Amino acid sequence: MNIESMIVMLVIGAIAGWLAGLIMKGRGMGLLGNIIVGIVGSVLGSYLFGLVDIVIMGGLIGSIITATIGAVVLLFVIGLIKKA
């Protein structure tokens, strides 16, 4: 992985984490937390979409959508665990 792809991954993670925080009503975790949630959400979203054979459009926008949906699922599960 070169430095350029790593920067793109961090930017996608930050955007996805921030959007997921907005969608989940104030569960944003700051810049570093958003990046981590976004990156983990990207992996989770790709896995979940792969399970059901869904392909979201390719490119940067598709990556952000997939990562955001995965991050929302991640924040939802974290919220359920915290309540238990």
PDB file of N, CA and C in Angstrom:
ATOM      1  N   MET A   1       0.863  -1.177   0.000  1.00  0.00           N
ATOM      2  CA  MET A   1       0.000   0.000   0.000  1.00  0.00           C
ATOM      3  C   MET A   1       0.906   1.235   0.000  1.00  0.00           C
ATOM      4  N   ASN A   2       0.691   2.098  -0.941  1.00  0.00           N
ATOM      5  CA  ASN A   2       1.501   3.309  -0.990  1.00  0.00           C
ATOM      6  C   ASN A   2       0.850   4.422  -0.171  1.00  0.00           C
ATOM      7  N   ILE A   3       1.542   5.518  -0.024  1.00  0.00           N
ATOM      8  CA  ILE A   3       1.089   6.617   0.838  1.00  0.00           C
ATOM      9  C   ILE A   3      -0.188   7.254   0.299  1.00  0.00           C
ATOM     10  N   GLU A   4      -0.320   7.310  -1.023  1.00  0.00           N
ATOM     11  CA  GLU A   4      -1.503   7.923  -1.619  1.00  0.00           C
ATOM     12  C   GLU A   4      -2.770   7.126  -1.305  1.00  0.00           C
ATOM     13  N   SER A   5      -2.700   5.811  -1.444  1.00  0.00           N
ATOM     14  CA  SER A   5      -3.879   4.992  -1.144  1.00  0.00           C
ATOM     15  C   SER A   5      -4.194   4.999   0.349  1.00  0.00           C
ATOM     16  N   MET A   6      -3.169   5.120   1.189  1.00  0.00           N
ATOM     17  CA  MET A   6      -3.400   5.205   2.628  1.00  0.00           C
ATOM     18  C   MET A   6      -4.110   6.514   2.995  1.00  0.00           C
ATOM     19  N   ILE A   7      -3.728   7.603   2.363  1.00  0.00           N
ATOM     20  CA  ILE A   7      -4.384   8.892   2.610  1.00  0.00           C
ATOM     21  C   ILE A   7      -5.834   8.842   2.147  1.00  0.00           C
ATOM     22  N   VAL A   8      -6.087   8.243   0.990  1.00  0.00           N
ATOM     23  CA  VAL A   8      -7.455   8.111   0.487  1.00  0.00           C
ATOM     24  C   VAL A   8      -8.286   7.275   1.448  1.00  0.00           C
ATOM     25  N   MET A   9      -7.710   6.180   1.964  1.00  0.00           N
ATOM     26  CA  MET A   9      -8.417   5.329   2.912  1.00  0.00           C
ATOM     27  C   MET A   9      -8.765   6.104   4.189  1.00  0.00           C
ATOM     28  N   LEU A  10      -7.843   6.921   4.677  1.00  0.00           N
ATOM     29  CA  LEU A  10      -8.101   7.715   5.882  1.00  0.00           C
ATOM     30  C   LEU A  10      -9.178   8.776   5.642  1.00  0.00           C
ATOM     31  N   VAL A  11      -9.156   9.389   4.472  1.00  0.00           N
ATOM     32  CA  VAL A  11     -10.162  10.408   4.148  1.00  0.00           C
ATOM     33  C   VAL A  11     -11.540   9.757   4.017  1.00  0.00           C
ATOM     34  N   ILE A  12     -11.617   8.620   3.340  1.00  0.00           N
ATOM     35  CA  ILE A  12     -12.899   7.906   3.221  1.00  0.00           C
ATOM     36  C   ILE A  12     -13.390   7.494   4.603  1.00  0.00           C
ATOM     37  N   GLY A  13     -12.483   6.991   5.440  1.00  0.00           N
ATOM     38  CA  GLY A  13     -12.852   6.614   6.800  1.00  0.00           C
ATOM     39  C   GLY A  13     -13.373   7.782   7.607  1.00  0.00           C
ATOM     40  N   ALA A  14     -12.708   8.936   7.492  1.00  0.00           N
ATOM     41  CA  ALA A  14     -13.148  10.113   8.234  1.00  0.00           C
ATOM     42  C   ALA A  14     -14.526  10.584   7.770  1.00  0.00           C
ATOM     43  N   ILE A  15     -14.733  10.623   6.473  1.00  0.00           N
ATOM     44  CA  ILE A  15     -16.032  11.056   5.930  1.00  0.00           C
ATOM     45  C   ILE A  15     -17.124  10.075   6.332  1.00  0.00           C
ATOM     46  N   ALA A  16     -16.853   8.778   6.186  1.00  0.00           N
ATOM     47  CA  ALA A  16     -17.856   7.765   6.527  1.00  0.00           C
ATOM     48  C   ALA A  16     -18.177   7.787   8.016  1.00  0.00           C
ATOM     49  N   GLY A  17     -17.169   7.909   8.853  1.00  0.00           N
ATOM     50  CA  GLY A  17     -17.396   7.971  10.294  1.00  0.00           C
ATOM     51  C   GLY A  17     -18.190   9.199  10.694  1.00  0.00           C
ATOM     52  N   TRP A  18     -17.873  10.330  10.067  1.00  0.00           N
ATOM     53  CA  TRP A  18     -18.604  11.567  10.354  1.00  0.00           C
ATOM     54  C   TRP A  18     -20.062  11.452   9.922  1.00  0.00           C
ATOM     55  N   LEU A  19     -20.286  10.927   8.711  1.00  0.00           N
ATOM     56  CA  LEU A  19     -21.664  10.747   8.228  1.00  0.00           C
ATOM     57  C   LEU A  19     -22.434   9.768   9.105  1.00  0.00           C
ATOM     58  N   ALA A  20     -21.788   8.678   9.510  1.00  0.00           N
ATOM     59  CA  ALA A  20     -22.446   7.706  10.382  1.00  0.00           C
ATOM     60  C   ALA A  20     -22.796   8.341  11.725  1.00  0.00           C
ATOM     61  N   GLY A  21     -21.921   9.181  12.240  1.00  0.00           N
ATOM     62  CA  GLY A  21     -22.205   9.890  13.488  1.00  0.00           C
ATOM     63  C   GLY A  21     -23.412  10.805  13.347  1.00  0.00           C
ATOM     64  N   LEU A  22     -23.538  11.467  12.201  1.00  0.00           N
ATOM     65  CA  LEU A  22     -24.705  12.321  11.956  1.00  0.00           C
ATOM     66  C   LEU A  22     -25.980  11.494  11.838  1.00  0.00           C
ATOM     67  N   ILE A  23     -25.890  10.380  11.126  1.00  0.00           N
ATOM     68  CA  ILE A  23     -27.061   9.517  10.933  1.00  0.00           C
ATOM     69  C   ILE A  23     -27.508   8.926  12.259  1.00  0.00           C
ATOM     70  N   MET A  24     -26.558   8.545  13.095  1.00  0.00           N
ATOM     71  CA  MET A  24     -26.886   7.921  14.375  1.00  0.00           C
ATOM     72  C   MET A  24     -27.106   8.958  15.479  1.00  0.00           C
ATOM     73  N   LYS A  25     -27.332  10.187  15.105  1.00  0.00           N
ATOM     74  CA  LYS A  25     -27.702  11.281  16.005  1.00  0.00           C
ATOM     75  C   LYS A  25     -26.709  11.503  17.141  1.00  0.00           C
ATOM     76  N   GLY A  26     -25.579  12.098  16.767  1.00  0.00           N
ATOM     77  CA  GLY A  26     -24.642  12.552  17.780  1.00  0.00           C
ATOM     78  C   GLY A  26     -23.713  11.502  18.340  1.00  0.00           C
ATOM     79  N   ARG A  27     -23.536  10.399  17.646  1.00  0.00           N
ATOM     80  CA  ARG A  27     -22.608   9.391  18.146  1.00  0.00           C
ATOM     81  C   ARG A  27     -21.239   9.527  17.512  1.00  0.00           C
ATOM     82  N   GLY A  28     -20.910  10.720  17.054  1.00  0.00           N
ATOM     83  CA  GLY A  28     -19.585  10.957  16.505  1.00  0.00           C
ATOM     84  C   GLY A  28     -18.548  10.841  17.612  1.00  0.00           C
ATOM     85  N   MET A  29     -17.333  10.467  17.245  1.00  0.00           N
ATOM     86  CA  MET A  29     -16.312  10.194  18.246  1.00  0.00           C
ATOM     87  C   MET A  29     -15.060  11.030  18.044  1.00  0.00           C
ATOM     88  N   GLY A  30     -15.155  12.183  17.431  1.00  0.00           N
ATOM     89  CA  GLY A  30     -13.966  12.977  17.147  1.00  0.00           C
ATOM     90  C   GLY A  30     -13.290  12.480  15.880  1.00  0.00           C
ATOM     91  N   LEU A  31     -12.285  13.181  15.432  1.00  0.00           N
ATOM     92  CA  LEU A  31     -11.652  12.871  14.152  1.00  0.00           C
ATOM     93  C   LEU A  31     -11.039  11.477  14.145  1.00  0.00           C
ATOM     94  N   LEU A  32     -10.222  11.140  15.121  1.00  0.00           N
ATOM     95  CA  LEU A  32      -9.579   9.833  15.142  1.00  0.00           C
ATOM     96  C   LEU A  32     -10.605   8.712  15.290  1.00  0.00           C
ATOM     97  N   GLY A  33     -11.578   8.910  16.157  1.00  0.00           N
ATOM     98  CA  GLY A  33     -12.636   7.910  16.332  1.00  0.00           C
ATOM     99  C   GLY A  33     -13.448   7.730  15.069  1.00  0.00           C
ATOM    100  N   ASN A  34     -13.767   8.834  14.389  1.00  0.00           N
ATOM    101  CA  ASN A  34     -14.508   8.748  13.126  1.00  0.00           C
ATOM    102  C   ASN A  34     -13.722   7.990  12.062  1.00  0.00           C
ATOM    103  N   ILE A  35     -12.410   8.227  12.004  1.00  0.00           N
ATOM    104  CA  ILE A  35     -11.584   7.521  11.027  1.00  0.00           C
ATOM    105  C   ILE A  35     -11.600   6.021  11.311  1.00  0.00           C
ATOM    106  N   ILE A  36     -11.442   5.662  12.579  1.00  0.00           N
ATOM    107  CA  ILE A  36     -11.429   4.242  12.946  1.00  0.00           C
ATOM    108  C   ILE A  36     -12.786   3.610  12.659  1.00  0.00           C
ATOM    109  N   VAL A  37     -13.868   4.275  13.068  1.00  0.00           N
ATOM    110  CA  VAL A  37     -15.217   3.750  12.811  1.00  0.00           C
ATOM    111  C   VAL A  37     -15.460   3.639  11.312  1.00  0.00           C
ATOM    112  N   GLY A  38     -15.016   4.607  10.547  1.00  0.00           N
ATOM    113  CA  GLY A  38     -15.195   4.578   9.098  1.00  0.00           C
ATOM    114  C   GLY A  38     -14.421   3.456   8.432  1.00  0.00           C
ATOM    115  N   ILE A  39     -13.186   3.221   8.862  1.00  0.00           N
ATOM    116  CA  ILE A  39     -12.387   2.157   8.265  1.00  0.00           C
ATOM    117  C   ILE A  39     -12.960   0.790   8.630  1.00  0.00           C
ATOM    118  N   VAL A  40     -13.299   0.597   9.900  1.00  0.00           N
ATOM    119  CA  VAL A  40     -13.914  -0.668  10.310  1.00  0.00           C
ATOM    120  C   VAL A  40     -15.270  -0.823   9.618  1.00  0.00           C
ATOM    121  N   GLY A  41     -16.020   0.273   9.494  1.00  0.00           N
ATOM    122  CA  GLY A  41     -17.296   0.250   8.795  1.00  0.00           C
ATOM    123  C   GLY A  41     -17.145  -0.107   7.334  1.00  0.00           C
ATOM    124  N   SER A  42     -16.066   0.328   6.726  1.00  0.00           N
ATOM    125  CA  SER A  42     -15.807  -0.013   5.330  1.00  0.00           C
ATOM    126  C   SER A  42     -15.610  -1.516   5.162  1.00  0.00           C
ATOM    127  N   VAL A  43     -14.842  -2.107   6.052  1.00  0.00           N
ATOM    128  CA  VAL A  43     -14.623  -3.555   6.007  1.00  0.00           C
ATOM    129  C   VAL A  43     -15.940  -4.281   6.267  1.00  0.00           C
ATOM    130  N   LEU A  44     -16.680  -3.830   7.276  1.00  0.00           N
ATOM    131  CA  LEU A  44     -17.955  -4.455   7.620  1.00  0.00           C
ATOM    132  C   LEU A  44     -18.969  -4.312   6.489  1.00  0.00           C
ATOM    133  N   GLY A  45     -19.061  -3.113   5.913  1.00  0.00           N
ATOM    134  CA  GLY A  45     -19.987  -2.884   4.807  1.00  0.00           C
ATOM    135  C   GLY A  45     -19.660  -3.735   3.594  1.00  0.00           C
ATOM    136  N   SER A  46     -18.374  -3.831   3.266  1.00  0.00           N
ATOM    137  CA  SER A  46     -17.966  -4.670   2.133  1.00  0.00           C
ATOM    138  C   SER A  46     -18.310  -6.124   2.385  1.00  0.00           C
ATOM    139  N   TYR A  47     -18.101  -6.579   3.611  1.00  0.00           N
ATOM    140  CA  TYR A  47     -18.419  -7.967   3.956  1.00  0.00           C
ATOM    141  C   TYR A  47     -19.927  -8.214   3.862  1.00  0.00           C
ATOM    142  N   LEU A  48     -20.720  -7.311   4.456  1.00  0.00           N
ATOM    143  CA  LEU A  48     -22.175  -7.497   4.455  1.00  0.00           C
ATOM    144  C   LEU A  48     -22.748  -7.440   3.044  1.00  0.00           C
ATOM    145  N   PHE A  49     -22.292  -6.483   2.235  1.00  0.00           N
ATOM    146  CA  PHE A  49     -22.776  -6.399   0.857  1.00  0.00           C
ATOM    147  C   PHE A  49     -22.330  -7.607   0.044  1.00  0.00           C
ATOM    148  N   GLY A  50     -21.162  -8.147   0.344  1.00  0.00           N
ATOM    149  CA  GLY A  50     -20.689  -9.349  -0.331  1.00  0.00           C
ATOM    150  C   GLY A  50     -21.545 -10.565   0.006  1.00  0.00           C
ATOM    151  N   LEU A  51     -22.019 -10.616   1.254  1.00  0.00           N
ATOM    152  CA  LEU A  51     -22.872 -11.735   1.673  1.00  0.00           C
ATOM    153  C   LEU A  51     -24.177 -11.789   0.888  1.00  0.00           C
ATOM    154  N   VAL A  52     -24.760 -10.631   0.627  1.00  0.00           N
ATOM    155  CA  VAL A  52     -26.046 -10.578  -0.067  1.00  0.00           C
ATOM    156  C   VAL A  52     -25.893 -10.267  -1.558  1.00  0.00           C
ATOM    157  N   ASP A  53     -24.638 -10.259  -2.030  1.00  0.00           N
ATOM    158  CA  ASP A  53     -24.342 -10.062  -3.444  1.00  0.00           C
ATOM    159  C   ASP A  53     -24.841  -8.726  -3.985  1.00  0.00           C
ATOM    160  N   ILE A  54     -24.666  -7.668  -3.211  1.00  0.00           N
ATOM    161  CA  ILE A  54     -25.049  -6.328  -3.648  1.00  0.00           C
ATOM    162  C   ILE A  54     -23.777  -5.552  -3.984  1.00  0.00           C
ATOM    163  N   VAL A  55     -23.794  -4.851  -5.105  1.00  0.00           N
ATOM    164  CA  VAL A  55     -22.665  -4.017  -5.489  1.00  0.00           C
ATOM    165  C   VAL A  55     -23.148  -2.578  -5.561  1.00  0.00           C
ATOM    166  N   ILE A  56     -22.587  -1.735  -4.717  1.00  0.00           N
ATOM    167  CA  ILE A  56     -22.874  -0.304  -4.771  1.00  0.00           C
ATOM    168  C   ILE A  56     -21.910   0.278  -5.802  1.00  0.00           C
ATOM    169  N   MET A  57     -22.348   1.263  -6.548  1.00  0.00           N
ATOM    170  CA  MET A  57     -21.517   1.802  -7.624  1.00  0.00           C
ATOM    171  C   MET A  57     -20.048   1.916  -7.212  1.00  0.00           C
ATOM    172  N   GLY A  58     -19.163   1.734  -8.141  1.00  0.00           N
ATOM    173  CA  GLY A  58     -17.732   1.753  -7.863  1.00  0.00           C
ATOM    174  C   GLY A  58     -17.201   3.157  -7.664  1.00  0.00           C
ATOM    175  N   GLY A  59     -15.946   3.251  -7.404  1.00  0.00           N
ATOM    176  CA  GLY A  59     -15.280   4.526  -7.254  1.00  0.00           C
ATOM    177  C   GLY A  59     -15.369   5.088  -5.856  1.00  0.00           C
ATOM    178  N   LEU A  60     -15.023   6.338  -5.749  1.00  0.00           N
ATOM    179  CA  LEU A  60     -14.949   7.016  -4.458  1.00  0.00           C
ATOM    180  C   LEU A  60     -16.311   7.127  -3.786  1.00  0.00           C
ATOM    181  N   ILE A  61     -17.330   7.501  -4.521  1.00  0.00           N
ATOM    182  CA  ILE A  61     -18.675   7.652  -3.952  1.00  0.00           C
ATOM    183  C   ILE A  61     -19.197   6.308  -3.451  1.00  0.00           C
ATOM    184  N   GLY A  62     -19.002   5.257  -4.224  1.00  0.00           N
ATOM    185  CA  GLY A  62     -19.422   3.929  -3.807  1.00  0.00           C
ATOM    186  C   GLY A  62     -18.711   3.476  -2.539  1.00  0.00           C
ATOM    187  N   SER A  63     -17.425   3.801  -2.447  1.00  0.00           N
ATOM    188  CA  SER A  63     -16.657   3.451  -1.250  1.00  0.00           C
ATOM    189  C   SER A  63     -17.172   4.200  -0.033  1.00  0.00           C
ATOM    190  N   ILE A  64     -17.497   5.466  -0.204  1.00  0.00           N
ATOM    191  CA  ILE A  64     -18.012   6.262   0.917  1.00  0.00           C
ATOM    192  C   ILE A  64     -19.374   5.737   1.351  1.00  0.00           C
ATOM    193  N   ILE A  65     -20.235   5.391   0.402  1.00  0.00           N
ATOM    194  CA  ILE A  65     -21.563   4.858   0.743  1.00  0.00           C
ATOM    195  C   ILE A  65     -21.434   3.530   1.477  1.00  0.00           C
ATOM    196  N   THR A  66     -20.602   2.634   0.960  1.00  0.00           N
ATOM    197  CA  THR A  66     -20.406   1.336   1.596  1.00  0.00           C
ATOM    198  C   THR A  66     -19.834   1.497   3.000  1.00  0.00           C
ATOM    199  N   ALA A  67     -18.822   2.350   3.156  1.00  0.00           N
ATOM    200  CA  ALA A  67     -18.207   2.569   4.457  1.00  0.00           C
ATOM    201  C   ALA A  67     -19.186   3.220   5.431  1.00  0.00           C
ATOM    202  N   THR A  68     -20.005   4.136   4.949  1.00  0.00           N
ATOM    203  CA  THR A  68     -20.975   4.800   5.813  1.00  0.00           C
ATOM    204  C   THR A  68     -22.027   3.819   6.318  1.00  0.00           C
ATOM    205  N   ILE A  69     -22.543   2.990   5.431  1.00  0.00           N
ATOM    206  CA  ILE A  69     -23.539   2.002   5.846  1.00  0.00           C
ATOM    207  C   ILE A  69     -22.927   1.022   6.843  1.00  0.00           C
ATOM    208  N   GLY A  70     -21.708   0.573   6.577  1.00  0.00           N
ATOM    209  CA  GLY A  70     -21.026  -0.310   7.512  1.00  0.00           C
ATOM    210  C   GLY A  70     -20.783   0.359   8.853  1.00  0.00           C
ATOM    211  N   ALA A  71     -20.417   1.642   8.838  1.00  0.00           N
ATOM    212  CA  ALA A  71     -20.175   2.370  10.083  1.00  0.00           C
ATOM    213  C   ALA A  71     -21.470   2.575  10.871  1.00  0.00           C
ATOM    214  N   VAL A  72     -22.578   2.810  10.180  1.00  0.00           N
ATOM    215  CA  VAL A  72     -23.874   2.937  10.856  1.00  0.00           C
ATOM    216  C   VAL A  72     -24.231   1.614  11.544  1.00  0.00           C
ATOM    217  N   VAL A  73     -24.027   0.505  10.842  1.00  0.00           N
ATOM    218  CA  VAL A  73     -24.288  -0.807  11.442  1.00  0.00           C
ATOM    219  C   VAL A  73     -23.389  -1.005  12.661  1.00  0.00           C
ATOM    220  N   LEU A  74     -22.125  -0.644  12.535  1.00  0.00           N
ATOM    221  CA  LEU A  74     -21.185  -0.772  13.643  1.00  0.00           C
ATOM    222  C   LEU A  74     -21.615   0.063  14.847  1.00  0.00           C
ATOM    223  N   LEU A  75     -21.990   1.317  14.628  1.00  0.00           N
ATOM    224  CA  LEU A  75     -22.438   2.167  15.731  1.00  0.00           C
ATOM    225  C   LEU A  75     -23.727   1.655  16.352  1.00  0.00           C
ATOM    226  N   PHE A  76     -24.602   1.091  15.541  1.00  0.00           N
ATOM    227  CA  PHE A  76     -25.839   0.511  16.056  1.00  0.00           C
ATOM    228  C   PHE A  76     -25.536  -0.667  16.981  1.00  0.00           C
ATOM    229  N   VAL A  77     -24.641  -1.541  16.540  1.00  0.00           N
ATOM    230  CA  VAL A  77     -24.275  -2.703  17.356  1.00  0.00           C
ATOM    231  C   VAL A  77     -23.574  -2.259  18.637  1.00  0.00           C
ATOM    232  N   ILE A  78     -22.692  -1.274  18.542  1.00  0.00           N
ATOM    233  CA  ILE A  78     -22.022  -0.747  19.737  1.00  0.00           C
ATOM    234  C   ILE A  78     -23.058  -0.177  20.713  1.00  0.00           C
ATOM    235  N   GLY A  79     -24.054   0.538  20.183  1.00  0.00           N
ATOM    236  CA  GLY A  79     -25.124   1.076  21.024  1.00  0.00           C
ATOM    237  C   GLY A  79     -25.915  -0.019  21.723  1.00  0.00           C
ATOM    238  N   LEU A  80     -26.185  -1.117  21.016  1.00  0.00           N
ATOM    239  CA  LEU A  80     -26.891  -2.246  21.633  1.00  0.00           C
ATOM    240  C   LEU A  80     -26.063  -2.889  22.743  1.00  0.00           C
ATOM    241  N   ILE A  81     -24.775  -3.014  22.510  1.00  0.00           N
ATOM    242  CA  ILE A  81     -23.901  -3.621  23.511  1.00  0.00           C
ATOM    243  C   ILE A  81     -23.799  -2.742  24.758  1.00  0.00           C
ATOM    244  N   LYS A  82     -23.733  -1.425  24.548  1.00  0.00           N
ATOM    245  CA  LYS A  82     -23.652  -0.508  25.690  1.00  0.00           C
ATOM    246  C   LYS A  82     -24.913  -0.529  26.541  1.00  0.00           C
ATOM    247  N   LYS A  83     -26.069  -0.746  25.916  1.00  0.00           N
ATOM    248  CA  LYS A  83     -27.333  -0.778  26.644  1.00  0.00           C
ATOM    249  C   LYS A  83     -27.494  -2.057  27.455  1.00  0.00           C
ATOM    250  N   ALA A  84     -26.848  -3.129  27.009  1.00  0.00           N
ATOM    251  CA  ALA A  84     -26.997  -4.429  27.688  1.00  0.00           C
ATOM    252  C   ALA A  84     -26.203  -4.512  28.959  1.00  0.00           C
TER     253      ALA A  84
END
